[in-house]
Protein backbone atom coordinates (compact mmCIF):
# COMPACT_ATOMS: atom_id res chain seq x y z
CA MET A 1 0.30 0.28 -0.12
CA ILE A 2 2.61 2.36 0.18
CA GLY A 3 4.07 1.95 -3.06
CA VAL A 4 0.40 3.14 -4.03
CA HIS A 5 0.29 5.39 -1.76
CA ARG A 6 3.80 7.48 -3.38
CA ARG A 7 2.25 6.64 -6.95
CA LYS A 8 -0.99 8.53 -6.08
CA ALA A 9 0.84 11.42 -4.36
CA ASN A 10 3.23 11.92 -7.30
CA GLU A 11 2.37 11.68 -10.89
CA GLY A 12 5.67 11.96 -11.73
CA PHE A 13 7.63 14.61 -13.11
CA LYS A 14 7.90 16.19 -16.98
CA ILE A 15 11.57 16.13 -16.99
CA VAL A 16 13.83 13.79 -14.79
CA LEU A 17 17.30 13.67 -14.03
CA THR A 18 19.39 10.65 -12.35
CA CYS A 19 22.50 8.48 -13.20
CA GLY A 20 23.65 5.86 -11.81
CA ARG A 21 23.65 5.00 -7.97
CA ALA A 22 27.73 4.83 -8.41
CA VAL A 23 27.58 8.17 -9.35
CA MET A 24 24.60 9.74 -7.20
CA SER A 25 26.12 8.13 -3.86
CA ASP A 26 27.87 10.49 -1.25
CA TYR A 27 30.06 7.59 -0.41
CA TYR A 28 29.24 8.03 3.32
CA ASN A 29 31.61 11.63 2.67
CA PHE A 30 34.34 9.12 2.24
CA SER A 31 35.34 9.69 -1.46
CA GLY A 32 37.81 6.69 -1.42
CA LEU A 33 34.69 4.35 -1.62
CA GLY A 34 33.77 5.53 -4.91
CA PHE A 35 37.00 3.25 -6.19
CA THR A 36 35.04 0.38 -5.29
CA SER A 37 32.99 1.27 -8.26
CA ALA A 38 35.46 -0.33 -10.26
CA VAL A 39 34.90 -3.78 -9.27
CA PRO A 40 33.14 -6.25 -11.29
CA ASN A 41 29.36 -6.95 -9.87
CA ASN A 42 29.74 -10.56 -9.53
CA ILE A 43 32.47 -10.13 -6.94
CA LEU A 44 30.66 -7.37 -5.43
CA PRO A 45 26.82 -8.20 -5.77
CA SER A 46 24.29 -6.07 -5.18
CA LEU A 47 23.34 -6.77 -1.93
CA ILE A 48 26.73 -5.68 -0.89
CA TYR A 49 27.76 -2.64 -2.94
CA ASN A 50 24.19 -1.25 -2.44
CA ARG A 51 25.62 -0.59 1.09
CA PHE A 52 28.90 0.69 -0.29
CA PHE A 53 26.69 3.53 -2.52
CA PRO A 54 23.93 4.97 0.53
CA LEU A 55 21.74 7.20 -1.65
CA LYS A 56 19.58 10.40 0.20
CA SER A 57 16.13 10.88 -1.36
CA ASP A 58 12.75 12.14 0.36
CA ARG A 59 9.55 10.74 -0.09
CA GLU A 60 8.45 11.89 -3.84
CA GLY A 61 12.11 10.40 -4.80
CA ARG A 62 13.85 13.82 -5.33
CA MET A 63 17.58 13.69 -3.86
CA LEU A 64 18.33 15.84 -0.78
CA GLU A 65 22.02 16.29 -2.46
CA ALA A 66 23.19 14.97 -5.89
CA GLN A 67 26.32 14.70 -8.36
CA LEU A 68 27.19 18.37 -9.23
CA GLY A 69 26.89 17.76 -12.83
CA LEU A 70 23.20 17.06 -12.43
CA CYS A 71 22.99 20.10 -10.10
CA LYS A 72 24.18 22.34 -12.91
CA ILE A 73 21.70 20.95 -15.33
CA GLU A 74 19.32 21.30 -12.87
CA ALA A 75 19.85 24.75 -12.59
CA ALA A 76 20.15 25.60 -15.95
CA LEU A 77 17.10 24.36 -16.95
CA LEU A 78 15.43 26.29 -14.07
CA ASP A 79 17.23 29.33 -15.38
CA TYR A 80 15.70 28.65 -18.63
CA GLY A 81 11.91 28.81 -17.51
CA PHE A 82 11.30 25.30 -15.90
CA THR A 83 10.12 24.75 -12.68
CA ARG A 84 10.78 22.72 -9.53
CA GLU A 85 7.43 20.94 -10.22
CA GLU A 86 8.40 20.06 -13.79
CA VAL A 87 12.23 19.01 -13.03
CA ILE A 88 13.51 16.55 -10.56
CA ILE A 89 16.89 15.46 -9.65
CA SER A 90 15.81 11.76 -9.07
CA ASP A 91 16.98 8.56 -7.00
CA PRO A 92 17.58 6.24 -9.43
CA THR A 93 15.79 3.52 -7.13
CA LYS A 94 13.02 5.77 -7.00
CA LEU A 95 12.32 5.97 -10.91
CA LYS A 96 9.00 4.16 -10.77
CA TYR A 97 7.98 7.01 -8.71
CA THR A 98 9.34 9.95 -10.71
CA VAL A 99 8.96 8.84 -14.42
CA SER A 100 5.02 8.83 -15.70
CA PRO A 101 3.05 9.12 -18.55
CA LYS A 102 3.79 12.55 -18.11
CA THR A 103 7.31 12.74 -18.52
CA LYS A 104 8.56 13.68 -21.52
CA VAL A 105 12.36 13.35 -21.07
CA VAL A 106 15.08 11.80 -19.01
CA GLY A 107 18.48 13.30 -18.58
CA ILE A 108 20.96 11.09 -17.73
CA GLY A 109 24.41 11.81 -16.31
CA VAL A 110 27.28 9.25 -17.23
CA LEU A 111 30.81 8.79 -15.67
CA ASP A 112 32.11 5.78 -16.72
CA PRO A 113 28.84 3.84 -18.51
CA LEU A 114 30.27 1.12 -20.06
CA GLY A 115 33.20 0.21 -18.05
CA LEU A 116 36.02 1.73 -20.35
CA SER A 117 37.76 4.05 -17.45
CA TYR A 118 41.27 3.07 -16.25
CA GLY A 119 40.00 1.79 -12.81
CA SER A 120 37.46 -0.48 -14.21
CA LYS A 121 40.31 -2.05 -16.93
CA VAL A 122 42.84 -2.60 -14.31
CA VAL A 123 40.69 -4.27 -11.79
CA LYS A 124 39.60 -6.13 -14.44
CA PHE A 125 42.78 -7.29 -15.80
CA VAL A 126 44.32 -8.44 -12.10
CA LEU A 127 41.48 -10.53 -11.22
CA ARG A 128 41.36 -12.39 -14.52
CA ARG A 129 45.15 -13.01 -13.74
CA PHE A 130 43.92 -14.59 -10.55
CA GLY A 131 41.32 -16.74 -12.90
CA LEU A 132 38.17 -14.65 -11.99
CA LYS A 133 35.60 -14.29 -14.23
CA CYS A 134 34.77 -10.70 -14.35
CA LYS A 135 31.49 -9.26 -15.44
CA LYS A 136 30.50 -5.35 -16.08
CA SER A 137 32.09 -3.17 -13.36
CA ILE A 138 29.65 -1.55 -10.33
CA MET A 139 29.76 1.57 -12.52
CA SER A 140 28.52 0.32 -15.75
CA LYS A 141 25.84 -1.96 -14.10
CA THR A 142 24.36 0.89 -11.79
CA PHE A 143 23.92 2.93 -15.48
CA GLU A 144 22.37 -0.29 -17.18
CA ASN A 145 20.26 0.22 -14.28
CA VAL A 146 18.82 3.01 -14.94
CA ILE A 147 19.15 2.81 -18.88
CA PHE A 148 16.70 -0.38 -18.46
CA ASP A 149 14.77 0.80 -15.70
CA PRO A 150 11.18 -0.64 -16.34
CA ALA A 151 9.34 2.61 -15.79
CA ILE A 152 11.12 4.19 -18.73
CA ARG A 153 10.95 1.28 -21.03
CA ARG A 154 7.48 1.55 -20.12
CA TYR A 155 6.50 5.23 -20.53
CA ARG A 156 9.18 5.60 -23.32
CA PRO A 157 10.32 9.54 -22.56
CA LYS A 158 13.47 10.80 -24.67
CA ILE A 159 16.84 9.95 -22.98
CA ILE A 160 19.32 12.56 -23.34
CA VAL A 161 22.66 11.59 -21.77
CA GLY A 162 25.96 13.76 -20.71
CA GLY A 163 29.03 13.94 -18.84
CA GLN A 164 32.39 12.53 -18.53
CA GLY A 165 32.09 9.72 -19.89
CA SER A 166 29.74 10.08 -23.04
CA TRP A 167 32.28 9.76 -25.39
CA GLN A 168 32.20 5.26 -24.56
CA ILE A 169 28.74 5.40 -25.87
CA ILE A 170 29.51 7.58 -29.00
CA ASP A 171 32.68 5.65 -29.99
CA SER A 172 31.41 2.51 -29.02
CA ASN A 173 28.37 3.20 -31.47
CA MET A 174 26.27 1.97 -28.58
CA GLN A 175 23.94 5.12 -28.38
CA GLU A 176 20.82 3.50 -31.08
CA LYS A 177 21.50 0.04 -28.98
CA LEU A 178 21.15 1.63 -25.72
CA GLY A 179 18.11 3.89 -27.13
CA ILE A 180 19.77 7.16 -26.30
CA ASP A 181 17.82 9.84 -28.47
CA CYS A 182 20.52 12.56 -27.72
CA ILE A 183 23.94 12.92 -26.18
CA VAL A 184 25.58 15.97 -25.20
CA GLU A 185 29.39 16.41 -25.01
CA GLY A 186 31.44 19.68 -23.73
CA GLU A 187 29.48 21.84 -21.54
CA GLY A 188 25.91 21.54 -21.24
CA GLU A 189 24.80 24.59 -19.34
CA GLY A 190 24.92 26.62 -22.61
CA VAL A 191 22.70 23.99 -24.72
CA ALA A 192 20.30 22.11 -21.79
CA GLY A 193 17.67 24.52 -21.85
CA GLU A 194 16.96 24.62 -25.83
CA ILE A 195 17.40 20.87 -26.21
CA PHE A 196 15.45 19.98 -23.22
CA GLU A 197 12.57 22.07 -24.55
CA LYS A 198 12.57 20.31 -27.79
CA ALA A 199 12.26 17.05 -26.26
CA VAL A 200 9.24 18.29 -23.97
CA HIS A 201 7.71 18.84 -26.97
CA GLY A 202 7.95 15.53 -28.85
CA GLU A 203 10.52 17.38 -31.62
CA ASN A 204 13.50 15.32 -32.90
CA LEU A 205 16.60 15.65 -31.61
CA PRO A 206 20.29 15.41 -33.05
CA ARG A 207 22.11 12.25 -32.34
CA ILE A 208 24.97 14.44 -30.99
CA ILE A 209 25.35 17.64 -29.54
CA ARG A 210 28.50 19.99 -28.97
CA GLY A 211 28.44 21.84 -25.66
CA ASN A 212 30.31 25.20 -25.91
CA PHE A 213 32.54 27.33 -24.07
CA VAL A 214 29.86 28.93 -21.16
CA GLU A 215 31.19 32.03 -19.87
CA ALA A 216 31.53 32.23 -15.76
CA ASN A 217 28.55 34.40 -14.96
CA LYS A 218 26.28 32.63 -17.23
CA VAL A 219 27.01 28.93 -15.44
CA PRO A 220 24.22 28.71 -13.01
CA VAL A 221 23.79 28.77 -9.42
CA ILE A 222 22.96 25.57 -7.90
CA ARG A 223 19.66 24.68 -6.36
CA THR A 224 20.25 21.02 -5.17
CA PRO A 225 22.79 20.74 -2.37
CA SER A 226 25.67 19.02 -4.10
CA ARG A 227 27.28 15.85 -2.60
CA CYS A 228 30.44 15.83 -0.51
CA GLY A 229 30.30 19.84 -0.35
CA VAL A 230 32.12 19.86 -4.01
CA ILE A 231 31.86 23.46 -4.76
CA GLU A 232 33.41 24.67 -8.47
CA ILE A 233 35.57 27.25 -8.02
CA THR A 234 37.12 27.43 -11.56
CA ARG A 235 36.87 25.30 -15.02
CA GLY A 236 39.20 24.94 -17.60
CA CYS A 237 43.57 25.02 -17.34
CA GLY A 238 44.13 26.65 -20.63
CA ARG A 239 47.40 24.67 -20.59
CA GLN A 240 46.70 22.54 -23.79
CA CYS A 241 47.46 19.04 -22.91
CA LEU A 242 46.91 17.29 -25.85
CA PHE A 243 45.66 14.08 -23.87
CA CYS A 244 43.42 16.26 -21.31
CA VAL A 245 39.72 17.66 -22.04
CA PRO A 246 39.88 20.08 -19.27
CA GLY A 247 43.25 21.14 -20.35
CA LEU A 248 41.82 22.34 -23.71
CA LEU A 249 39.11 24.45 -22.09
CA PRO A 250 39.61 28.09 -21.98
CA PHE A 251 40.37 29.08 -18.01
CA ARG A 252 38.06 30.90 -16.04
CA SER A 253 37.01 31.55 -12.39
CA PHE A 254 33.78 31.95 -10.74
CA SER A 255 32.41 35.18 -8.78
CA LYS A 256 33.11 34.96 -4.67
CA ASP A 257 29.58 35.76 -4.31
CA ARG A 258 28.52 32.86 -6.47
CA ILE A 259 30.58 30.40 -4.94
CA LEU A 260 29.87 31.46 -1.29
CA GLU A 261 26.27 31.05 -2.08
CA GLU A 262 26.37 27.52 -2.74
CA ILE A 263 28.19 26.67 0.15
CA ARG A 264 25.37 28.27 1.93
CA LEU A 265 23.08 26.28 0.24
CA ASN A 266 24.92 23.10 1.26
CA LEU A 267 25.47 24.26 5.06
CA LYS A 268 21.87 24.79 5.06
CA ALA A 269 21.18 21.36 4.01
CA GLY A 270 24.10 19.95 6.72
CA ILE A 271 26.68 19.12 4.71
CA ASP A 272 29.43 20.79 6.75
CA GLN A 273 32.61 19.89 4.32
CA VAL A 274 33.53 21.92 1.16
CA SER A 275 36.02 20.53 -1.49
CA LEU A 276 37.07 23.28 -3.86
CA GLN A 277 36.57 21.59 -7.25
CA SER A 278 39.23 23.14 -9.85
CA ASP A 279 42.06 21.63 -12.49
CA ASP A 280 44.34 24.07 -10.85
CA ALA A 281 42.75 26.17 -7.43
CA LEU A 282 46.16 28.09 -6.82
CA LEU A 283 44.96 30.18 -10.12
CA TYR A 284 41.80 31.41 -8.78
CA GLY A 285 40.65 34.90 -9.58
CA SER A 286 44.13 35.07 -12.07
CA ASN A 287 44.54 35.34 -15.40
CA GLY A 288 45.12 31.69 -16.07
CA ARG A 289 48.59 32.11 -16.11
CA GLU A 290 49.92 32.74 -12.59
CA PRO A 291 48.58 32.50 -9.39
CA HIS A 292 46.53 35.77 -7.84
CA PRO A 293 47.43 35.14 -4.11
CA LYS A 294 44.68 37.86 -3.12
CA ALA A 295 41.59 36.45 -5.15
CA LEU A 296 42.23 32.95 -3.46
CA LEU A 297 43.04 34.10 0.19
CA ASP A 298 40.24 36.47 0.52
CA LEU A 299 37.97 33.68 -0.89
CA LEU A 300 39.40 30.99 1.60
CA ALA A 301 38.50 33.58 4.48
CA CYS A 302 34.86 34.18 3.66
CA ILE A 303 34.20 30.67 3.31
CA ARG A 304 35.93 30.15 6.96
CA ALA A 305 33.84 32.95 7.88
CA LEU A 306 30.52 31.27 6.92
CA GLY A 307 31.59 28.92 10.15
CA VAL A 308 33.18 26.16 7.53
CA ASP A 309 36.08 24.90 9.90
CA GLU A 310 39.24 24.37 8.77
CA ASP A 311 39.63 20.65 8.58
CA ARG A 312 36.45 20.22 6.48
CA LEU A 313 37.72 22.59 3.94
CA GLY A 314 40.01 21.10 1.17
CA PHE A 315 40.86 21.06 -2.78
CA GLU A 316 41.17 18.88 -5.38
CA PHE A 317 43.79 19.76 -7.86
CA PHE A 318 46.71 22.07 -7.53
CA SER A 319 49.51 22.46 -10.37
CA ILE A 320 53.35 21.94 -9.75
CA ARG A 321 53.79 24.87 -12.45
CA SER A 322 51.57 27.30 -9.90
CA ILE A 323 53.34 25.49 -6.79
CA MET A 324 56.39 26.72 -8.40
CA LEU A 325 55.44 29.90 -9.16
CA ASN A 326 54.33 31.06 -5.92
CA PRO A 327 55.64 28.93 -3.09
CA LYS A 328 54.90 31.50 -0.52
CA LEU A 329 50.77 30.95 -1.90
CA VAL A 330 51.06 27.49 -0.70
CA ASP A 331 52.43 28.50 2.58
CA ASP A 332 49.49 30.96 3.25
CA VAL A 333 46.90 28.67 2.15
CA SER A 334 48.17 26.08 4.38
CA GLU A 335 48.37 28.08 7.49
CA MET A 336 44.61 29.52 6.80
CA ILE A 337 43.47 26.01 6.69
CA GLY A 338 45.10 25.05 9.74
CA LEU A 339 48.17 22.51 8.48
CA HIS A 340 50.45 21.92 11.22
CA GLY A 341 51.22 19.33 13.71
CA HIS A 342 49.26 16.71 13.08
CA ARG A 343 46.94 18.48 10.96
CA TYR A 344 46.92 17.72 7.04
CA SER A 345 45.27 17.74 3.58
CA VAL A 346 44.95 15.44 0.46
CA VAL A 347 45.36 17.13 -3.06
CA GLU A 348 45.69 15.61 -6.18
CA VAL A 349 49.01 17.01 -8.85
CA GLY A 350 49.89 15.89 -12.54
CA VAL A 351 53.39 14.57 -12.86
CA GLU A 352 52.59 12.37 -15.84
CA THR A 353 55.79 11.65 -16.95
CA GLY A 354 59.40 12.03 -16.44
CA SER A 355 60.54 12.31 -19.57
CA PRO A 356 61.28 15.71 -21.01
CA ARG A 357 60.81 14.64 -24.29
CA LEU A 358 57.10 13.51 -23.94
CA LEU A 359 56.23 16.78 -21.78
CA ALA A 360 57.48 18.88 -24.49
CA LYS A 361 55.56 16.50 -27.02
CA TYR A 362 52.23 16.56 -25.36
CA MET A 363 51.99 19.01 -22.42
CA ALA A 364 54.52 21.60 -22.92
CA GLY A 365 52.06 23.99 -21.07
CA LYS A 366 52.57 22.35 -17.49
CA VAL A 367 56.21 23.20 -17.09
CA LYS A 368 56.23 27.12 -18.85
CA PRO A 369 57.41 29.18 -17.89
CA PHE A 370 59.99 26.76 -16.93
CA ASN A 371 62.60 24.71 -18.65
CA VAL A 372 61.14 21.08 -19.74
CA SER A 373 64.81 19.90 -19.20
CA ASP A 374 64.54 20.83 -15.43
CA TRP A 375 61.09 19.10 -15.13
CA LYS A 376 62.45 16.34 -12.85
CA ASP A 377 63.95 18.90 -10.34
CA ILE A 378 60.84 20.83 -10.65
CA VAL A 379 58.58 18.17 -9.29
CA LEU A 380 60.89 17.45 -6.83
CA SER A 381 60.96 21.04 -5.53
CA ALA A 382 57.56 21.04 -6.03
CA ALA A 383 56.53 17.87 -4.14
CA GLU A 384 59.35 19.43 -0.90
CA ILE A 385 56.96 22.52 -0.96
CA LEU A 386 53.80 20.08 -0.24
CA HIS A 387 55.76 17.82 2.07
CA SER A 388 56.57 20.91 4.04
CA ASN A 389 53.31 22.12 4.60
CA ASN A 390 51.48 19.13 5.50
CA TRP A 391 50.20 18.27 2.13
CA ARG A 392 49.42 14.57 1.22
CA ALA A 393 49.78 14.62 -2.27
CA CYS A 394 48.20 12.14 -4.72
CA TYR A 395 50.33 12.33 -7.94
CA SER A 396 49.33 10.76 -11.40
CA LEU A 397 51.54 9.02 -14.09
CA ILE A 398 50.38 8.00 -17.61
CA LEU A 399 51.86 4.79 -18.82
CA GLY A 400 51.79 4.09 -22.77
CA LEU A 401 51.70 7.73 -23.95
CA PRO A 402 52.04 7.66 -27.75
CA GLY A 403 55.62 7.10 -29.22
CA GLU A 404 56.67 6.33 -25.43
CA THR A 405 60.40 4.29 -24.97
CA ARG A 406 61.98 2.98 -22.42
CA ASP A 407 64.50 5.84 -22.00
CA ASP A 408 61.01 7.80 -21.05
CA VAL A 409 59.82 5.02 -18.46
CA LEU A 410 63.02 4.70 -17.22
CA GLN A 411 63.28 8.82 -16.74
CA THR A 412 59.74 8.37 -14.87
CA LEU A 413 60.96 6.00 -12.65
CA GLU A 414 64.04 7.83 -11.69
CA ILE A 415 61.10 10.67 -10.21
CA VAL A 416 59.01 8.03 -8.46
CA ASP A 417 62.04 6.54 -6.79
CA GLN A 418 62.28 9.89 -5.20
CA LEU A 419 58.85 11.20 -4.74
CA LYS A 420 58.41 7.90 -2.31
CA THR A 421 60.75 9.30 -0.08
CA TYR A 422 57.64 11.66 0.75
CA ASN A 423 54.17 10.98 2.12
CA CYS A 424 52.23 10.72 -1.02
CA VAL A 425 50.31 8.19 -3.13
CA ILE A 426 51.42 7.65 -6.67
CA VAL A 427 48.94 6.62 -9.23
CA PRO A 428 50.34 5.24 -12.55
CA ILE A 429 46.92 5.64 -15.33
CA ILE A 430 46.99 3.62 -18.51
CA PHE A 431 46.99 5.74 -21.68
CA MET A 432 43.25 6.39 -22.52
CA PRO A 433 42.45 8.45 -25.60
CA ALA A 434 41.20 11.73 -24.87
CA GLY A 435 41.52 15.64 -25.68
CA ARG A 436 43.40 15.48 -29.47
CA LEU A 437 44.34 12.12 -28.72
CA ARG A 438 40.82 10.81 -28.79
CA LYS A 439 41.46 8.94 -32.31
CA LYS A 440 44.88 7.29 -30.92
CA GLY A 441 43.04 4.32 -29.69
CA ASP A 442 43.65 2.70 -26.13
CA PHE A 443 47.10 1.08 -25.21
CA ALA A 444 46.19 -2.24 -24.37
CA PHE A 445 47.45 -4.13 -20.90
CA GLU A 446 48.35 -6.90 -22.80
CA LEU A 447 51.06 -4.40 -25.01
CA MET A 448 52.76 -3.55 -21.28
CA THR A 449 56.61 -4.65 -21.65
CA GLU A 450 58.74 -5.73 -18.30
CA ASP A 451 59.77 -1.70 -17.35
CA ARG A 452 56.28 -0.32 -17.30
CA TRP A 453 55.01 -3.38 -15.42
CA GLU A 454 58.02 -2.61 -12.80
CA LEU A 455 57.01 1.21 -13.24
CA PHE A 456 53.07 -0.16 -12.34
CA PHE A 457 53.97 -2.34 -9.59
CA GLU A 458 56.43 0.29 -7.67
CA CYS A 459 53.48 2.84 -7.58
CA ILE A 460 50.81 0.73 -6.93
CA GLU A 461 52.97 -1.18 -3.94
CA HIS A 462 54.04 2.26 -2.47
CA THR A 463 50.35 3.93 -2.87
CA LEU A 464 48.94 0.50 -0.92
CA ILE A 465 51.47 1.09 1.87
CA LYS A 466 51.13 4.84 2.21
CA ALA A 467 47.34 5.45 1.29
CA PRO A 468 45.75 4.34 4.90
CA SER A 469 47.81 7.16 6.10
CA PHE A 470 45.67 9.62 4.20
CA LEU A 471 42.62 8.45 6.17
CA LYS A 472 41.46 10.50 9.26
CA ASN A 473 40.43 8.76 12.98
CA ASN A 474 38.32 11.54 13.87
CA SER A 475 35.53 9.27 15.13
CA LEU A 476 35.33 5.27 16.52
CA THR A 477 33.65 4.45 13.30
CA LYS A 478 36.50 6.00 11.09
CA LYS A 479 38.94 4.23 13.48
CA ILE A 480 37.32 0.69 12.65
CA ARG A 481 36.65 1.23 9.28
CA ASN A 482 40.31 2.72 8.53
CA GLY A 483 41.66 -0.41 10.17
CA ILE A 484 39.90 -2.58 8.23
CA ILE A 485 41.22 -0.86 5.43
CA ARG A 486 44.82 -0.94 6.52
CA THR A 487 44.39 -4.45 6.78
CA LEU A 488 43.10 -5.30 3.34
CA PHE A 489 45.88 -2.47 2.16
CA TYR A 490 48.93 -4.17 3.74
CA PHE A 491 47.86 -7.42 2.08
CA GLY A 492 47.66 -5.96 -1.15
CA ALA A 493 50.56 -4.41 -1.15
CA MET A 494 52.43 -7.90 -0.06
CA ARG A 495 50.79 -9.45 -2.81
CA MET A 496 51.97 -6.98 -5.26
CA ARG A 497 55.69 -7.20 -3.73
CA ARG A 498 55.27 -11.51 -4.42
CA TRP A 499 54.28 -10.34 -7.95
CA ARG A 500 57.23 -8.60 -8.56
CA LYS A 501 59.40 -11.27 -7.33
CA SER A 502 57.82 -14.14 -9.33
CA ARG A 503 56.17 -12.07 -12.80
CA ASP A 504 54.50 -15.37 -13.23
CA ILE A 505 51.22 -14.21 -13.67
CA ILE A 506 52.09 -11.37 -15.88
CA PHE A 507 54.92 -12.79 -18.30
CA ASN A 508 53.79 -16.63 -18.45
CA SER A 509 50.37 -15.74 -20.07
CA PRO A 510 49.76 -17.57 -23.31
CA LYS A 511 48.02 -14.66 -24.30
CA ARG A 512 50.91 -12.10 -24.03
CA THR A 513 51.98 -10.98 -27.75
CA ILE A 514 54.93 -8.54 -26.85
CA GLN A 515 58.33 -9.76 -25.62
CA ARG A 516 59.63 -8.49 -22.68
CA THR A 517 62.39 -6.38 -24.50
CA ALA A 518 59.77 -4.45 -26.88
CA LEU A 519 60.30 -1.52 -24.47
CA GLU A 520 63.88 -1.29 -26.33
CA SER A 521 62.09 0.23 -29.27
CA PRO A 522 59.53 3.26 -29.79
CA CYS A 523 55.69 1.46 -29.56
CA GLY A 524 52.38 2.78 -30.23
CA GLU A 525 51.66 5.63 -32.46
CA SER A 526 54.71 7.77 -33.08
CA GLY A 527 53.18 10.91 -33.23
CA VAL A 528 50.66 13.30 -33.06
């Protein structure tokens, strides 16, 4: 009777926005839990992974806090003229209450809809080497649960898909099979109103639409609180790295008033943490070329004045270039958010390669105005600045860039050996085609050579050992959780160590087509 009551009380919405459970969840405000979405759904069945990815929604199915991208699209639709009685960000498990005959269009945000991301591929590769059968990743499965939801299939509204993972559907030619009417690539706020209006009126939609550059003052202020307190302060970075989508977007900063308004919305909803989303937060308020300390420090002071605890305020990304352009700004930011003694903060930093040659070829903007030949010293100097200010960095590397040679890999190994002396984690990412390298094709694990595996295992083993120290023990529940994670990571690190000694799982595979010495000559595509 409860289900019937809900159905009568809510006859559905004209526009429904949603995404898979693994994308929508707040992960108990522990973003690290999100990485488990790369695990195959047959390894962690739904009974378990549903507990990993909690959802917060009200009786009618409206999310109380949602993934930031959906919040932006909802705000764009409301600014366009639709009302909250017409638009809902729906709990993906309650579509039977929110999708009805009156629903004209469902918008779905995607991150890794087909399980083609680096994380999903790595997990499957490792598990298969242990002889385990791997089905779809949890991320992919929860997307499938939405796209094939009985209510959507029954009432057949128009389906619009957008988000970081939309390329997977386009490049795999899966749009028609999945029943998707339109895919939006790029920045969606500028095109959402018009395309959803066409869908509401039953008009034909373009199969693919490219979202163009949206000026900072035209990006709408969110109306639904953002999960985990994520607030966008800049967009794009303008460094023109060929493998990176944000790097090709023009840099812009959002106004302080706008940022504070969104933080107030989150605080009112009981979300007391603030995670400042940016591809390089140190450039906030600047021209995109060098930091503007006054703008960033003033923003932080205003955020703190709202009552945000210094321990609940954090950043997502810093760039090595900006750290080196203004080391004092790192000192000042660290002091403002109380990084001293045992207090620390975590930030992601892109190293990508130790090779000056690859740096100059694919990402010269990462190092300007410095010299590419000094990249190793620049990286290590930036690492020292972060370490001395109680930052625990997550450094990313890319393996298998087109044309990568053995020398390039060995130069990266040299940097890794020295970065390991700091309190950091190092994440190796297998090259995936994106940005201007989108047409280059994947670098398959089967093409990994011994030196690349050495680099891969070096990073993973170090990360498994160090990552638990990033967890904060400020409650009994977290102490118990973190103790379990430390134990699992320790055994994982020991397993990696045995792998590095024996190599049997990797190099004795009958499917292996590349010899261990193949790295002696260039591999992959030879140029851009």
